[in-house]
Amino acid sequence: MAESLAQAAAAARACTLCADLPLGPRPVLRVSPTARLLIVGQAPGTAVHASGIPWDDPSGERLRAWTGISPEIFYDETRVAIVPMGLCYPGRLPNGGDAPPRPICAPTWHPRILPLLRAVELTLVVGSYAINRLLGPGAMSTHVADWERHLPARLPLPHPSWRTIGWERRNPWFTAELLPELRARLRALGL
């Protein structure tokens, strides 16, 4: 008998593959068979690890501003699925940034979960780790600049951290062209 989405999600939430993580494993994801939008980002940060709510931090506020989706809709898992590259907070790098998602996570869970999200019509591919896995190797800026090529199924976005504020200023087409298209597509999905 084939695994259901509920079974795959329960297994992912119980995952301890990375029991050695600095704060321990706490997989954070949201899925539903009715979700029409999928967001694939990097990995939870410390705030998300603490709350268990994906994108529950300043980056999430910025992502929601880019999409124009209210928090009520964004966190309605019957409408929006969220499955990051790394389901758990990966720890810090010596330079102070977050460590990359563990390389075992996406290959373990994405093949089990993503095909079961059959109602998804648009996937937001957020940040370089997700872009490289789902769209192929290359510079994040190059993939995002070539955003129209990935439609209608996928739309690459930079990571919405404060670090991309300068990038956004240097690339005014992002705000002038990509974000209006993103919002129009989300409205068409009823979001």
C-alpha atoms as a PDB file:
ATOM      1  CA  MET A   1       0.000   0.000   0.000  1.00  0.00           C
ATOM      2  CA  ALA A   2       1.344   3.437  -0.931  1.00  0.00           C
ATOM      3  CA  GLU A   3       2.351   5.859   1.768  1.00  0.00           C
ATOM      4  CA  SER A   4      -0.130   8.693   2.361  1.00  0.00           C
ATOM      5  CA  LEU A   5       0.839  12.324   2.802  1.00  0.00           C
ATOM      6  CA  ALA A   6      -0.208  12.133   6.451  1.00  0.00           C
ATOM      7  CA  GLN A   7       2.048   9.105   6.988  1.00  0.00           C
ATOM      8  CA  ALA A   8       5.016  10.724   5.233  1.00  0.00           C
ATOM      9  CA  ALA A   9       4.556  13.951   7.207  1.00  0.00           C
ATOM     10  CA  ALA A  10       4.287  12.057  10.500  1.00  0.00           C
ATOM     11  CA  ALA A  11       7.491  10.180   9.697  1.00  0.00           C
ATOM     12  CA  ALA A  12       9.252  13.436   8.823  1.00  0.00           C
ATOM     13  CA  ARG A  13       8.092  15.084  12.054  1.00  0.00           C
ATOM     14  CA  ALA A  14       9.488  12.116  14.012  1.00  0.00           C
ATOM     15  CA  CYS A  15      12.827  12.166  12.161  1.00  0.00           C
ATOM     16  CA  THR A  16      16.001  11.951  14.240  1.00  0.00           C
ATOM     17  CA  LEU A  17      18.540  11.455  11.411  1.00  0.00           C
ATOM     18  CA  CYS A  18      20.322  14.561  12.645  1.00  0.00           C
ATOM     19  CA  ALA A  19      20.163  13.903  16.376  1.00  0.00           C
ATOM     20  CA  ASP A  20      23.550  15.627  16.740  1.00  0.00           C
ATOM     21  CA  LEU A  21      22.213  19.073  15.751  1.00  0.00           C
ATOM     22  CA  PRO A  22      23.152  21.802  18.260  1.00  0.00           C
ATOM     23  CA  LEU A  23      19.535  22.306  19.382  1.00  0.00           C
ATOM     24  CA  GLY A  24      18.468  18.759  18.568  1.00  0.00           C
ATOM     25  CA  PRO A  25      16.027  17.715  15.866  1.00  0.00           C
ATOM     26  CA  ARG A  26      12.724  19.546  15.584  1.00  0.00           C
ATOM     27  CA  PRO A  27      11.392  19.104  12.061  1.00  0.00           C
ATOM     28  CA  VAL A  28       9.224  22.004  10.913  1.00  0.00           C
ATOM     29  CA  LEU A  29       6.949  21.584   7.899  1.00  0.00           C
ATOM     30  CA  ARG A  30       3.338  22.090   6.872  1.00  0.00           C
ATOM     31  CA  VAL A  31       1.533  19.977   4.315  1.00  0.00           C
ATOM     32  CA  SER A  32      -1.972  19.199   3.147  1.00  0.00           C
ATOM     33  CA  PRO A  33      -3.319  17.362   0.114  1.00  0.00           C
ATOM     34  CA  THR A  34      -5.299  20.511  -0.774  1.00  0.00           C
ATOM     35  CA  ALA A  35      -2.422  23.027  -0.695  1.00  0.00           C
ATOM     36  CA  ARG A  36      -2.061  24.864  -4.018  1.00  0.00           C
ATOM     37  CA  LEU A  37       1.152  26.716  -3.149  1.00  0.00           C
ATOM     38  CA  LEU A  38       4.370  25.074  -1.988  1.00  0.00           C
ATOM     39  CA  ILE A  39       7.203  27.055  -0.432  1.00  0.00           C
ATOM     40  CA  VAL A  40      10.610  25.390  -0.399  1.00  0.00           C
ATOM     41  CA  GLY A  41      13.139  27.465   1.530  1.00  0.00           C
ATOM     42  CA  GLN A  42      16.427  26.803   3.278  1.00  0.00           C
ATOM     43  CA  ALA A  43      15.942  25.592   6.862  1.00  0.00           C
ATOM     44  CA  PRO A  44      14.413  26.879  10.083  1.00  0.00           C
ATOM     45  CA  GLY A  45      16.317  29.486  12.075  1.00  0.00           C
ATOM     46  CA  THR A  46      16.451  29.679  15.856  1.00  0.00           C
ATOM     47  CA  ALA A  47      13.122  31.544  16.146  1.00  0.00           C
ATOM     48  CA  VAL A  48      11.363  28.930  14.021  1.00  0.00           C
ATOM     49  CA  HIS A  49      13.047  26.122  15.963  1.00  0.00           C
ATOM     50  CA  ALA A  50      11.684  27.662  19.176  1.00  0.00           C
ATOM     51  CA  SER A  51       8.140  28.299  17.895  1.00  0.00           C
ATOM     52  CA  GLY A  52       7.726  25.360  15.521  1.00  0.00           C
ATOM     53  CA  ILE A  53       6.081  27.775  13.062  1.00  0.00           C
ATOM     54  CA  PRO A  54       7.792  28.072   9.660  1.00  0.00           C
ATOM     55  CA  TRP A  55       8.913  31.539   8.558  1.00  0.00           C
ATOM     56  CA  ASP A  56       8.065  32.886  12.037  1.00  0.00           C
ATOM     57  CA  ASP A  57      10.839  35.490  11.916  1.00  0.00           C
ATOM     58  CA  PRO A  58      11.810  38.713  10.101  1.00  0.00           C
ATOM     59  CA  SER A  59      12.604  36.740   6.918  1.00  0.00           C
ATOM     60  CA  GLY A  60       9.077  35.361   7.011  1.00  0.00           C
ATOM     61  CA  GLU A  61       7.646  38.863   7.393  1.00  0.00           C
ATOM     62  CA  ARG A  62       9.577  39.915   4.308  1.00  0.00           C
ATOM     63  CA  LEU A  63       8.487  36.842   2.343  1.00  0.00           C
ATOM     64  CA  ARG A  64       4.853  37.504   3.232  1.00  0.00           C
ATOM     65  CA  ALA A  65       5.286  41.147   2.151  1.00  0.00           C
ATOM     66  CA  TRP A  66       6.716  39.986  -1.187  1.00  0.00           C
ATOM     67  CA  THR A  67       3.777  37.623  -1.729  1.00  0.00           C
ATOM     68  CA  GLY A  68       1.076  39.941  -0.430  1.00  0.00           C
ATOM     69  CA  ILE A  69      -0.432  36.973   1.430  1.00  0.00           C
ATOM     70  CA  SER A  70      -1.896  37.619   4.872  1.00  0.00           C
ATOM     71  CA  PRO A  71      -0.537  35.586   7.805  1.00  0.00           C
ATOM     72  CA  GLU A  72      -3.932  33.871   8.099  1.00  0.00           C
ATOM     73  CA  ILE A  73      -3.666  32.508   4.553  1.00  0.00           C
ATOM     74  CA  PHE A  74       0.099  31.938   4.675  1.00  0.00           C
ATOM     75  CA  TYR A  75      -0.287  29.701   7.738  1.00  0.00           C
ATOM     76  CA  ASP A  76      -3.374  27.871   6.464  1.00  0.00           C
ATOM     77  CA  GLU A  77      -1.740  24.575   5.554  1.00  0.00           C
ATOM     78  CA  THR A  78      -4.813  23.534   3.567  1.00  0.00           C
ATOM     79  CA  ARG A  79      -3.764  26.289   1.142  1.00  0.00           C
ATOM     80  CA  VAL A  80       0.010  26.697   1.589  1.00  0.00           C
ATOM     81  CA  ALA A  81       2.470  23.839   2.068  1.00  0.00           C
ATOM     82  CA  ILE A  82       5.936  24.583   3.474  1.00  0.00           C
ATOM     83  CA  VAL A  83       8.691  21.983   3.124  1.00  0.00           C
ATOM     84  CA  PRO A  84      12.215  23.407   3.504  1.00  0.00           C
ATOM     85  CA  MET A  85      15.468  21.890   2.276  1.00  0.00           C
ATOM     86  CA  GLY A  86      16.370  21.130   5.875  1.00  0.00           C
ATOM     87  CA  LEU A  87      13.489  20.427   8.223  1.00  0.00           C
ATOM     88  CA  CYS A  88      15.527  21.267  11.345  1.00  0.00           C
ATOM     89  CA  TYR A  89      17.653  24.193  12.481  1.00  0.00           C
ATOM     90  CA  PRO A  90      21.169  23.298  11.282  1.00  0.00           C
ATOM     91  CA  GLY A  91      23.192  25.400  13.747  1.00  0.00           C
ATOM     92  CA  ARG A  92      25.584  28.317  13.235  1.00  0.00           C
ATOM     93  CA  LEU A  93      28.679  28.823  11.159  1.00  0.00           C
ATOM     94  CA  PRO A  94      31.826  30.263  12.748  1.00  0.00           C
ATOM     95  CA  ASN A  95      31.151  33.578  10.915  1.00  0.00           C
ATOM     96  CA  GLY A  96      27.792  33.891  12.663  1.00  0.00           C
ATOM     97  CA  GLY A  97      25.443  32.888   9.836  1.00  0.00           C
ATOM     98  CA  ASP A  98      23.235  29.830   9.859  1.00  0.00           C
ATOM     99  CA  ALA A  99      24.830  26.600   8.713  1.00  0.00           C
ATOM    100  CA  PRO A 100      23.533  25.101   5.468  1.00  0.00           C
ATOM    101  CA  PRO A 101      20.772  22.512   5.594  1.00  0.00           C
ATOM    102  CA  ARG A 102      22.067  19.033   6.307  1.00  0.00           C
ATOM    103  CA  PRO A 103      22.641  17.270   2.960  1.00  0.00           C
ATOM    104  CA  ILE A 104      20.727  14.176   4.058  1.00  0.00           C
ATOM    105  CA  CYS A 105      17.426  15.954   4.724  1.00  0.00           C
ATOM    106  CA  ALA A 106      16.011  16.932   1.316  1.00  0.00           C
ATOM    107  CA  PRO A 107      17.035  13.662  -0.403  1.00  0.00           C
ATOM    108  CA  THR A 108      15.358  11.746   2.416  1.00  0.00           C
ATOM    109  CA  TRP A 109      12.093  13.672   2.728  1.00  0.00           C
ATOM    110  CA  HIS A 110      11.390  15.528  -0.520  1.00  0.00           C
ATOM    111  CA  PRO A 111      10.917  12.353  -2.618  1.00  0.00           C
ATOM    112  CA  ARG A 112       8.463  11.037  -0.023  1.00  0.00           C
ATOM    113  CA  ILE A 113       6.494  14.256   0.515  1.00  0.00           C
ATOM    114  CA  LEU A 114       6.573  16.487  -2.579  1.00  0.00           C
ATOM    115  CA  PRO A 115       4.989  13.984  -5.021  1.00  0.00           C
ATOM    116  CA  LEU A 116       2.068  13.620  -2.596  1.00  0.00           C
ATOM    117  CA  LEU A 117       1.296  17.358  -2.797  1.00  0.00           C
ATOM    118  CA  ARG A 118      -0.784  16.776  -5.925  1.00  0.00           C
ATOM    119  CA  ALA A 119      -2.839  19.997  -5.759  1.00  0.00           C
ATOM    120  CA  VAL A 120       0.240  22.262  -5.833  1.00  0.00           C
ATOM    121  CA  GLU A 121       0.167  24.561  -8.841  1.00  0.00           C
ATOM    122  CA  LEU A 122       3.061  26.867  -7.945  1.00  0.00           C
ATOM    123  CA  THR A 123       6.262  26.252  -5.990  1.00  0.00           C
ATOM    124  CA  LEU A 124       8.220  29.193  -4.598  1.00  0.00           C
ATOM    125  CA  VAL A 125      11.870  28.152  -4.626  1.00  0.00           C
ATOM    126  CA  VAL A 126      13.401  30.417  -1.993  1.00  0.00           C
ATOM    127  CA  GLY A 127      17.146  30.928  -1.578  1.00  0.00           C
ATOM    128  CA  SER A 128      20.238  29.416  -3.115  1.00  0.00           C
ATOM    129  CA  TYR A 129      20.036  25.982  -1.444  1.00  0.00           C
ATOM    130  CA  ALA A 130      16.501  25.366  -2.716  1.00  0.00           C
ATOM    131  CA  ILE A 131      17.296  26.885  -6.115  1.00  0.00           C
ATOM    132  CA  ASN A 132      20.344  24.658  -6.611  1.00  0.00           C
ATOM    133  CA  ARG A 133      18.428  21.510  -5.678  1.00  0.00           C
ATOM    134  CA  LEU A 134      15.178  22.173  -7.529  1.00  0.00           C
ATOM    135  CA  LEU A 135      16.339  24.254 -10.496  1.00  0.00           C
ATOM    136  CA  GLY A 136      19.921  23.104 -10.951  1.00  0.00           C
ATOM    137  CA  PRO A 137      23.318  24.535 -10.121  1.00  0.00           C
ATOM    138  CA  GLY A 138      24.101  28.149 -10.788  1.00  0.00           C
ATOM    139  CA  ALA A 139      24.099  31.533  -9.181  1.00  0.00           C
ATOM    140  CA  MET A 140      20.973  32.497  -7.285  1.00  0.00           C
ATOM    141  CA  SER A 141      20.875  35.861  -9.098  1.00  0.00           C
ATOM    142  CA  THR A 142      20.996  34.154 -12.489  1.00  0.00           C
ATOM    143  CA  HIS A 143      18.083  31.841 -11.683  1.00  0.00           C
ATOM    144  CA  VAL A 144      15.983  34.652 -10.214  1.00  0.00           C
ATOM    145  CA  ALA A 145      16.742  36.941 -13.182  1.00  0.00           C
ATOM    146  CA  ASP A 146      15.556  34.126 -15.462  1.00  0.00           C
ATOM    147  CA  TRP A 147      12.368  33.660 -13.447  1.00  0.00           C
ATOM    148  CA  GLU A 148       9.992  33.590 -16.428  1.00  0.00           C
ATOM    149  CA  ARG A 149      11.693  30.447 -17.770  1.00  0.00           C
ATOM    150  CA  HIS A 150      10.639  28.493 -14.658  1.00  0.00           C
ATOM    151  CA  LEU A 151       6.948  29.400 -14.838  1.00  0.00           C
ATOM    152  CA  PRO A 152       4.239  28.259 -14.548  1.00  0.00           C
ATOM    153  CA  ALA A 153       5.240  25.557 -12.054  1.00  0.00           C
ATOM    154  CA  ARG A 154       8.091  27.239 -10.181  1.00  0.00           C
ATOM    155  CA  LEU A 155       9.232  30.711  -9.264  1.00  0.00           C
ATOM    156  CA  PRO A 156      12.712  31.317  -7.806  1.00  0.00           C
ATOM    157  CA  LEU A 157      13.169  33.986  -5.145  1.00  0.00           C
ATOM    158  CA  PRO A 158      16.210  35.148  -3.201  1.00  0.00           C
ATOM    159  CA  HIS A 159      16.206  34.377   0.495  1.00  0.00           C
ATOM    160  CA  PRO A 160      14.220  37.211   2.124  1.00  0.00           C
ATOM    161  CA  SER A 161      16.770  37.921   4.860  1.00  0.00           C
ATOM    162  CA  TRP A 162      18.133  41.401   5.538  1.00  0.00           C
ATOM    163  CA  ARG A 163      21.188  40.371   3.524  1.00  0.00           C
ATOM    164  CA  THR A 164      19.187  40.610   0.285  1.00  0.00           C
ATOM    165  CA  ILE A 165      18.080  44.215   0.789  1.00  0.00           C
ATOM    166  CA  GLY A 166      21.116  45.472  -1.154  1.00  0.00           C
ATOM    167  CA  TRP A 167      20.565  42.842  -3.863  1.00  0.00           C
ATOM    168  CA  GLU A 168      16.968  43.976  -4.221  1.00  0.00           C
ATOM    169  CA  ARG A 169      18.070  47.615  -4.624  1.00  0.00           C
ATOM    170  CA  ARG A 170      20.593  46.625  -7.313  1.00  0.00           C
ATOM    171  CA  ASN A 171      17.932  44.635  -9.168  1.00  0.00           C
ATOM    172  CA  PRO A 172      14.885  46.930  -9.456  1.00  0.00           C
ATOM    173  CA  TRP A 173      13.225  44.535 -11.934  1.00  0.00           C
ATOM    174  CA  PHE A 174      12.603  42.212  -8.966  1.00  0.00           C
ATOM    175  CA  THR A 175      10.170  44.663  -7.371  1.00  0.00           C
ATOM    176  CA  ALA A 176       8.882  46.120 -10.646  1.00  0.00           C
ATOM    177  CA  GLU A 177       8.309  42.886 -12.599  1.00  0.00           C
ATOM    178  CA  LEU A 178       8.706  39.671 -10.612  1.00  0.00           C
ATOM    179  CA  LEU A 179       6.752  40.597  -7.475  1.00  0.00           C
ATOM    180  CA  PRO A 180       3.656  41.849  -9.366  1.00  0.00           C
ATOM    181  CA  GLU A 181       3.664  38.601 -11.391  1.00  0.00           C
ATOM    182  CA  LEU A 182       4.033  36.564  -8.192  1.00  0.00           C
ATOM    183  CA  ARG A 183       1.118  38.370  -6.536  1.00  0.00           C
ATOM    184  CA  ALA A 184      -1.074  37.980  -9.640  1.00  0.00           C
ATOM    185  CA  ARG A 185      -0.386  34.244  -9.766  1.00  0.00           C
ATOM    186  CA  LEU A 186      -1.153  33.877  -6.055  1.00  0.00           C
ATOM    187  CA  ARG A 187      -4.433  35.771  -6.480  1.00  0.00           C
ATOM    188  CA  ALA A 188      -5.307  33.414  -9.357  1.00  0.00           C
ATOM    189  CA  LEU A 189      -4.781  30.531  -6.928  1.00  0.00           C
ATOM    190  CA  GLY A 190      -7.225  32.123  -4.491  1.00  0.00           C
ATOM    191  CA  LEU A 191      -4.510  33.214  -2.091  1.00  0.00           C
END
